Structure formats: structure tokens, C-alpha cells
PDB file of all heavy atoms in Angstrom:
ATOM      1  N   ALA A   1      30.318  83.141  42.535  1.00  0.00           N
ATOM      2  CA  ALA A   1      29.647  83.130  41.246  1.00  0.00           C
ATOM      3  C   ALA A   1      30.638  82.775  40.143  1.00  0.00           C
ATOM      4  O   ALA A   1      31.772  83.255  40.139  1.00  0.00           O
ATOM      5  CB  ALA A   1      29.008  84.485  40.972  1.00  0.00           C
ATOM      6  N   GLY A   2      30.192  81.925  39.230  1.00  0.00           N
ATOM      7  CA  GLY A   2      31.052  81.473  38.148  1.00  0.00           C
ATOM      8  C   GLY A   2      31.766  80.173  38.459  1.00  0.00           C
ATOM      9  O   GLY A   2      32.343  79.545  37.561  1.00  0.00           O
ATOM     10  N   GLY A   3      31.704  79.759  39.706  1.00  0.00           N
ATOM     11  CA  GLY A   3      32.363  78.543  40.117  1.00  0.00           C
ATOM     12  C   GLY A   3      31.542  77.304  39.837  1.00  0.00           C
ATOM     13  O   GLY A   3      30.453  77.372  39.273  1.00  0.00           O
ATOM     14  N   SER A   4      32.071  76.164  40.252  1.00  0.00           N
ATOM     15  CA  SER A   4      31.421  74.886  40.016  1.00  0.00           C
ATOM     16  C   SER A   4      31.298  74.085  41.299  1.00  0.00           C
ATOM     17  O   SER A   4      32.056  74.280  42.250  1.00  0.00           O
ATOM     18  CB  SER A   4      32.211  74.055  38.995  1.00  0.00           C
ATOM     19  OG  SER A   4      32.272  74.692  37.741  1.00  0.00           O
ATOM     20  N   LEU A   5      30.347  73.181  41.296  1.00  0.00           N
ATOM     21  CA  LEU A   5      30.110  72.327  42.442  1.00  0.00           C
ATOM     22  C   LEU A   5      29.457  71.048  41.937  1.00  0.00           C
ATOM     23  O   LEU A   5      28.673  71.089  40.983  1.00  0.00           O
ATOM     24  CB  LEU A   5      29.189  73.034  43.435  1.00  0.00           C
ATOM     25  CG  LEU A   5      29.253  72.666  44.919  1.00  0.00           C
ATOM     26  CD1 LEU A   5      30.650  72.918  45.479  1.00  0.00           C
ATOM     27  CD2 LEU A   5      28.222  73.480  45.689  1.00  0.00           C
ATOM     28  N   ARG A   6      29.775  69.928  42.552  1.00  0.00           N
ATOM     29  CA  ARG A   6      29.139  68.668  42.190  1.00  0.00           C
ATOM     30  C   ARG A   6      28.437  68.084  43.398  1.00  0.00           C
ATOM     31  O   ARG A   6      29.066  67.822  44.427  1.00  0.00           O
ATOM     32  CB  ARG A   6      30.141  67.653  41.643  1.00  0.00           C
ATOM     33  CG  ARG A   6      29.451  66.400  41.073  1.00  0.00           C
ATOM     34  CD  ARG A   6      30.420  65.364  40.559  1.00  0.00           C
ATOM     35  NE  ARG A   6      31.072  64.640  41.651  1.00  0.00           N
ATOM     36  CZ  ARG A   6      31.706  63.483  41.509  1.00  0.00           C
ATOM     37  NH1 ARG A   6      31.779  62.907  40.311  1.00  0.00           N
ATOM     38  NH2 ARG A   6      32.286  62.903  42.548  1.00  0.00           N
ATOM     39  N   LEU A   7      27.148  67.871  43.273  1.00  0.00           N
ATOM     40  CA  LEU A   7      26.362  67.265  44.314  1.00  0.00           C
ATOM     41  C   LEU A   7      26.248  65.767  44.069  1.00  0.00           C
ATOM     42  O   LEU A   7      26.179  65.320  42.929  1.00  0.00           O
ATOM     43  CB  LEU A   7      24.952  67.867  44.369  1.00  0.00           C
ATOM     44  CG  LEU A   7      24.855  69.388  44.504  1.00  0.00           C
ATOM     45  CD1 LEU A   7      23.386  69.788  44.621  1.00  0.00           C
ATOM     46  CD2 LEU A   7      25.653  69.882  45.698  1.00  0.00           C
ATOM     47  N   SER A   8      26.213  65.016  45.146  1.00  0.00           N
ATOM     48  CA  SER A   8      26.052  63.575  45.056  1.00  0.00           C
ATOM     49  C   SER A   8      24.868  63.142  45.904  1.00  0.00           C
ATOM     50  O   SER A   8      24.555  63.769  46.915  1.00  0.00           O
ATOM     51  CB  SER A   8      27.309  62.851  45.550  1.00  0.00           C
ATOM     52  OG  SER A   8      28.428  63.165  44.746  1.00  0.00           O
ATOM     53  N   CYS A   9      24.230  62.078  45.493  1.00  0.00           N
ATOM     54  CA  CYS A   9      23.111  61.510  46.232  1.00  0.00           C
ATOM     55  C   CYS A   9      23.305  60.012  46.278  1.00  0.00           C
ATOM     56  O   CYS A   9      23.200  59.333  45.249  1.00  0.00           O
ATOM     57  CB  CYS A   9      21.788  61.865  45.552  1.00  0.00           C
ATOM     58  SG  CYS A   9      20.345  61.017  46.241  1.00  0.00           S
ATOM     59  N   ALA A  10      23.599  59.507  47.459  1.00  0.00           N
ATOM     60  CA  ALA A  10      23.781  58.076  47.642  1.00  0.00           C
ATOM     61  C   ALA A  10      22.444  57.441  47.974  1.00  0.00           C
ATOM     62  O   ALA A  10      21.796  57.827  48.948  1.00  0.00           O
ATOM     63  CB  ALA A  10      24.790  57.812  48.753  1.00  0.00           C
ATOM     64  N   ALA A  11      22.037  56.491  47.159  1.00  0.00           N
ATOM     65  CA  ALA A  11      20.750  55.831  47.344  1.00  0.00           C
ATOM     66  C   ALA A  11      20.929  54.427  47.894  1.00  0.00           C
ATOM     67  O   ALA A  11      21.834  53.700  47.505  1.00  0.00           O
ATOM     68  CB  ALA A  11      19.993  55.771  46.018  1.00  0.00           C
ATOM     69  N   SER A  12      20.045  54.054  48.788  1.00  0.00           N
ATOM     70  CA  SER A  12      20.030  52.701  49.320  1.00  0.00           C
ATOM     71  C   SER A  12      18.588  52.222  49.405  1.00  0.00           C
ATOM     72  O   SER A  12      17.670  53.029  49.598  1.00  0.00           O
ATOM     73  CB  SER A  12      20.694  52.636  50.699  1.00  0.00           C
ATOM     74  OG  SER A  12      19.992  53.429  51.643  1.00  0.00           O
ATOM     75  N   GLY A  13      18.395  50.929  49.260  1.00  0.00           N
ATOM     76  CA  GLY A  13      17.059  50.366  49.329  1.00  0.00           C
ATOM     77  C   GLY A  13      16.222  50.604  48.086  1.00  0.00           C
ATOM     78  O   GLY A  13      15.026  50.297  48.079  1.00  0.00           O
ATOM     79  N   LEU A  14      16.834  51.135  47.046  1.00  0.00           N
ATOM     80  CA  LEU A  14      16.131  51.402  45.791  1.00  0.00           C
ATOM     81  C   LEU A  14      16.444  50.242  44.854  1.00  0.00           C
ATOM     82  O   LEU A  14      17.441  50.258  44.138  1.00  0.00           O
ATOM     83  CB  LEU A  14      16.575  52.735  45.214  1.00  0.00           C
ATOM     84  CG  LEU A  14      15.724  53.358  44.106  1.00  0.00           C
ATOM     85  CD1 LEU A  14      14.322  53.655  44.626  1.00  0.00           C
ATOM     86  CD2 LEU A  14      16.380  54.629  43.602  1.00  0.00           C
ATOM     87  N   THR A  15      15.588  49.245  44.872  1.00  0.00           N
ATOM     88  CA  THR A  15      15.842  48.014  44.132  1.00  0.00           C
ATOM     89  C   THR A  15      15.496  48.127  42.657  1.00  0.00           C
ATOM     90  O   THR A  15      14.612  48.885  42.255  1.00  0.00           O
ATOM     91  CB  THR A  15      15.056  46.846  44.745  1.00  0.00           C
ATOM     92  OG1 THR A  15      13.655  47.136  44.707  1.00  0.00           O
ATOM     93  CG2 THR A  15      15.470  46.627  46.195  1.00  0.00           C
ATOM     94  N   GLY A  16      16.189  47.340  41.860  1.00  0.00           N
ATOM     95  CA  GLY A  16      15.940  47.326  40.440  1.00  0.00           C
ATOM     96  C   GLY A  16      16.413  48.590  39.752  1.00  0.00           C
ATOM     97  O   GLY A  16      17.135  49.403  40.321  1.00  0.00           O
ATOM     98  N   SER A  17      15.987  48.752  38.512  1.00  0.00           N
ATOM     99  CA  SER A  17      16.390  49.920  37.739  1.00  0.00           C
ATOM    100  C   SER A  17      15.211  50.714  37.199  1.00  0.00           C
ATOM    101  O   SER A  17      15.406  51.726  36.525  1.00  0.00           O
ATOM    102  CB  SER A  17      17.278  49.481  36.570  1.00  0.00           C
ATOM    103  OG  SER A  17      16.601  48.582  35.720  1.00  0.00           O
ATOM    104  N   MET A  18      14.009  50.282  37.504  1.00  0.00           N
ATOM    105  CA  MET A  18      12.817  50.944  37.005  1.00  0.00           C
ATOM    106  C   MET A  18      12.405  52.092  37.927  1.00  0.00           C
ATOM    107  O   MET A  18      11.393  52.023  38.630  1.00  0.00           O
ATOM    108  CB  MET A  18      11.670  49.948  36.854  1.00  0.00           C
ATOM    109  CG  MET A  18      11.963  48.802  35.903  1.00  0.00           C
ATOM    110  SD  MET A  18      12.302  49.392  34.225  1.00  0.00           S
ATOM    111  CE  MET A  18      12.626  47.846  33.388  1.00  0.00           C
ATOM    112  N   HIS A  19      13.191  53.127  37.919  1.00  0.00           N
ATOM    113  CA  HIS A  19      12.889  54.271  38.754  1.00  0.00           C
ATOM    114  C   HIS A  19      13.415  55.558  38.134  1.00  0.00           C
ATOM    115  O   HIS A  19      14.270  55.538  37.254  1.00  0.00           O
ATOM    116  CB  HIS A  19      13.485  54.101  40.159  1.00  0.00           C
ATOM    117  CG  HIS A  19      14.961  53.842  40.159  1.00  0.00           C
ATOM    118  ND1 HIS A  19      15.500  52.584  40.211  1.00  0.00           N
ATOM    119  CD2 HIS A  19      16.011  54.701  40.114  1.00  0.00           C
ATOM    120  CE1 HIS A  19      16.819  52.659  40.196  1.00  0.00           C
ATOM    121  NE2 HIS A  19      17.147  53.942  40.138  1.00  0.00           N
ATOM    122  N   CYS A  20      12.871  56.642  38.602  1.00  0.00           N
ATOM    123  CA  CYS A  20      13.317  57.964  38.199  1.00  0.00           C
ATOM    124  C   CYS A  20      14.008  58.620  39.385  1.00  0.00           C
ATOM    125  O   CYS A  20      13.676  58.353  40.538  1.00  0.00           O
ATOM    126  CB  CYS A  20      12.137  58.840  37.768  1.00  0.00           C
ATOM    127  SG  CYS A  20      11.364  58.371  36.213  1.00  0.00           S
ATOM    128  N   MET A  21      14.940  59.484  39.103  1.00  0.00           N
ATOM    129  CA  MET A  21      15.604  60.241  40.148  1.00  0.00           C
ATOM    130  C   MET A  21      15.718  61.679  39.681  1.00  0.00           C
ATOM    131  O   MET A  21      15.721  61.958  38.484  1.00  0.00           O
ATOM    132  CB  MET A  21      16.988  59.672  40.460  1.00  0.00           C
ATOM    133  CG  MET A  21      16.962  58.237  40.953  1.00  0.00           C
ATOM    134  SD  MET A  21      18.567  57.652  41.556  1.00  0.00           S
ATOM    135  CE  MET A  21      18.632  58.488  43.159  1.00  0.00           C
ATOM    136  N   GLY A  22      15.807  62.568  40.642  1.00  0.00           N
ATOM    137  CA  GLY A  22      15.881  63.960  40.266  1.00  0.00           C
ATOM    138  C   GLY A  22      16.456  64.840  41.350  1.00  0.00           C
ATOM    139  O   GLY A  22      16.653  64.415  42.486  1.00  0.00           O
ATOM    140  N   TRP A  23      16.729  66.056  40.952  1.00  0.00           N
ATOM    141  CA  TRP A  23      17.194  67.083  41.873  1.00  0.00           C
ATOM    142  C   TRP A  23      16.178  68.213  41.894  1.00  0.00           C
ATOM    143  O   TRP A  23      15.718  68.662  40.837  1.00  0.00           O
ATOM    144  CB  TRP A  23      18.554  67.643  41.459  1.00  0.00           C
ATOM    145  CG  TRP A  23      19.692  66.688  41.654  1.00  0.00           C
ATOM    146  CD1 TRP A  23      20.259  65.879  40.727  1.00  0.00           C
ATOM    147  CD2 TRP A  23      20.408  66.463  42.872  1.00  0.00           C
ATOM    148  NE1 TRP A  23      21.287  65.160  41.274  1.00  0.00           N
ATOM    149  CE2 TRP A  23      21.398  65.491  42.587  1.00  0.00           C
ATOM    150  CE3 TRP A  23      20.306  66.978  44.163  1.00  0.00           C
ATOM    151  CZ2 TRP A  23      22.292  65.025  43.567  1.00  0.00           C
ATOM    152  CZ3 TRP A  23      21.185  66.516  45.141  1.00  0.00           C
ATOM    153  CH2 TRP A  23      22.164  65.554  44.826  1.00  0.00           C
ATOM    154  N   PHE A  24      15.846  68.649  43.083  1.00  0.00           N
ATOM    155  CA  PHE A  24      14.957  69.777  43.290  1.00  0.00           C
ATOM    156  C   PHE A  24      15.675  70.777  44.175  1.00  0.00           C
ATOM    157  O   PHE A  24      16.629  70.428  44.877  1.00  0.00           O
ATOM    158  CB  PHE A  24      13.652  69.337  43.956  1.00  0.00           C
ATOM    159  CG  PHE A  24      12.774  68.481  43.086  1.00  0.00           C
ATOM    160  CD1 PHE A  24      13.088  67.150  42.836  1.00  0.00           C
ATOM    161  CD2 PHE A  24      11.625  69.009  42.520  1.00  0.00           C
ATOM    162  CE1 PHE A  24      12.281  66.358  42.037  1.00  0.00           C
ATOM    163  CE2 PHE A  24      10.799  68.226  41.721  1.00  0.00           C
ATOM    164  CZ  PHE A  24      11.131  66.905  41.474  1.00  0.00           C
ATOM    165  N   ARG A  25      15.229  72.001  44.144  1.00  0.00           N
ATOM    166  CA  ARG A  25      15.826  73.001  45.014  1.00  0.00           C
ATOM    167  C   ARG A  25      14.763  73.944  45.546  1.00  0.00           C
ATOM    168  O   ARG A  25      13.722  74.137  44.929  1.00  0.00           O
ATOM    169  CB  ARG A  25      16.919  73.794  44.294  1.00  0.00           C
ATOM    170  CG  ARG A  25      16.421  74.694  43.171  1.00  0.00           C
ATOM    171  CD  ARG A  25      17.600  75.326  42.441  1.00  0.00           C
ATOM    172  NE  ARG A  25      17.172  76.236  41.390  1.00  0.00           N
ATOM    173  CZ  ARG A  25      18.008  76.831  40.537  1.00  0.00           C
ATOM    174  NH1 ARG A  25      19.314  76.610  40.617  1.00  0.00           N
ATOM    175  NH2 ARG A  25      17.524  77.646  39.607  1.00  0.00           N
ATOM    176  N   GLN A  26      15.045  74.496  46.700  1.00  0.00           N
ATOM    177  CA  GLN A  26      14.132  75.431  47.312  1.00  0.00           C
ATOM    178  C   GLN A  26      14.930  76.559  47.945  1.00  0.00           C
ATOM    179  O   GLN A  26      15.681  76.343  48.895  1.00  0.00           O
ATOM    180  CB  GLN A  26      13.251  74.755  48.359  1.00  0.00           C
ATOM    181  CG  GLN A  26      12.182  75.658  48.934  1.00  0.00           C
ATOM    182  CD  GLN A  26      11.152  74.891  49.742  1.00  0.00           C
ATOM    183  OE1 GLN A  26      11.424  73.804  50.239  1.00  0.00           O
ATOM    184  NE2 GLN A  26       9.964  75.454  49.866  1.00  0.00           N
ATOM    185  N   ALA A  27      14.769  77.739  47.395  1.00  0.00           N
ATOM    186  CA  ALA A  27      15.421  78.914  47.944  1.00  0.00           C
ATOM    187  C   ALA A  27      14.582  79.456  49.084  1.00  0.00           C
ATOM    188  O   ALA A  27      13.377  79.214  49.164  1.00  0.00           O
ATOM    189  CB  ALA A  27      15.603  79.973  46.864  1.00  0.00           C
ATOM    190  N   SER A  28      15.216  80.183  49.962  1.00  0.00           N
ATOM    191  CA  SER A  28      14.526  80.751  51.112  1.00  0.00           C
ATOM    192  C   SER A  28      13.358  81.618  50.666  1.00  0.00           C
ATOM    193  O   SER A  28      13.517  82.513  49.833  1.00  0.00           O
ATOM    194  CB  SER A  28      15.500  81.576  51.949  1.00  0.00           C
ATOM    195  OG  SER A  28      14.867  82.141  53.072  1.00  0.00           O
TER     196      SER A  28
END
């Protein structure tokens, strides 16, 4: 707790720039 973390998401096949991206999470 109190620490930091950086998540990355490498995308492929997502052509152009007309798109939205996001992060979702699901706890147990």
C-alpha cells in the first residue's frame, strides 16, 4: 500500500486513430 505500478497495454490490429481505449478492473 502506498506504492506505485504502471500497467501497459500493447495493441495490434487497431487501425487508424478513431478509437477509444480504457482500463477496467474486476475484484474477486
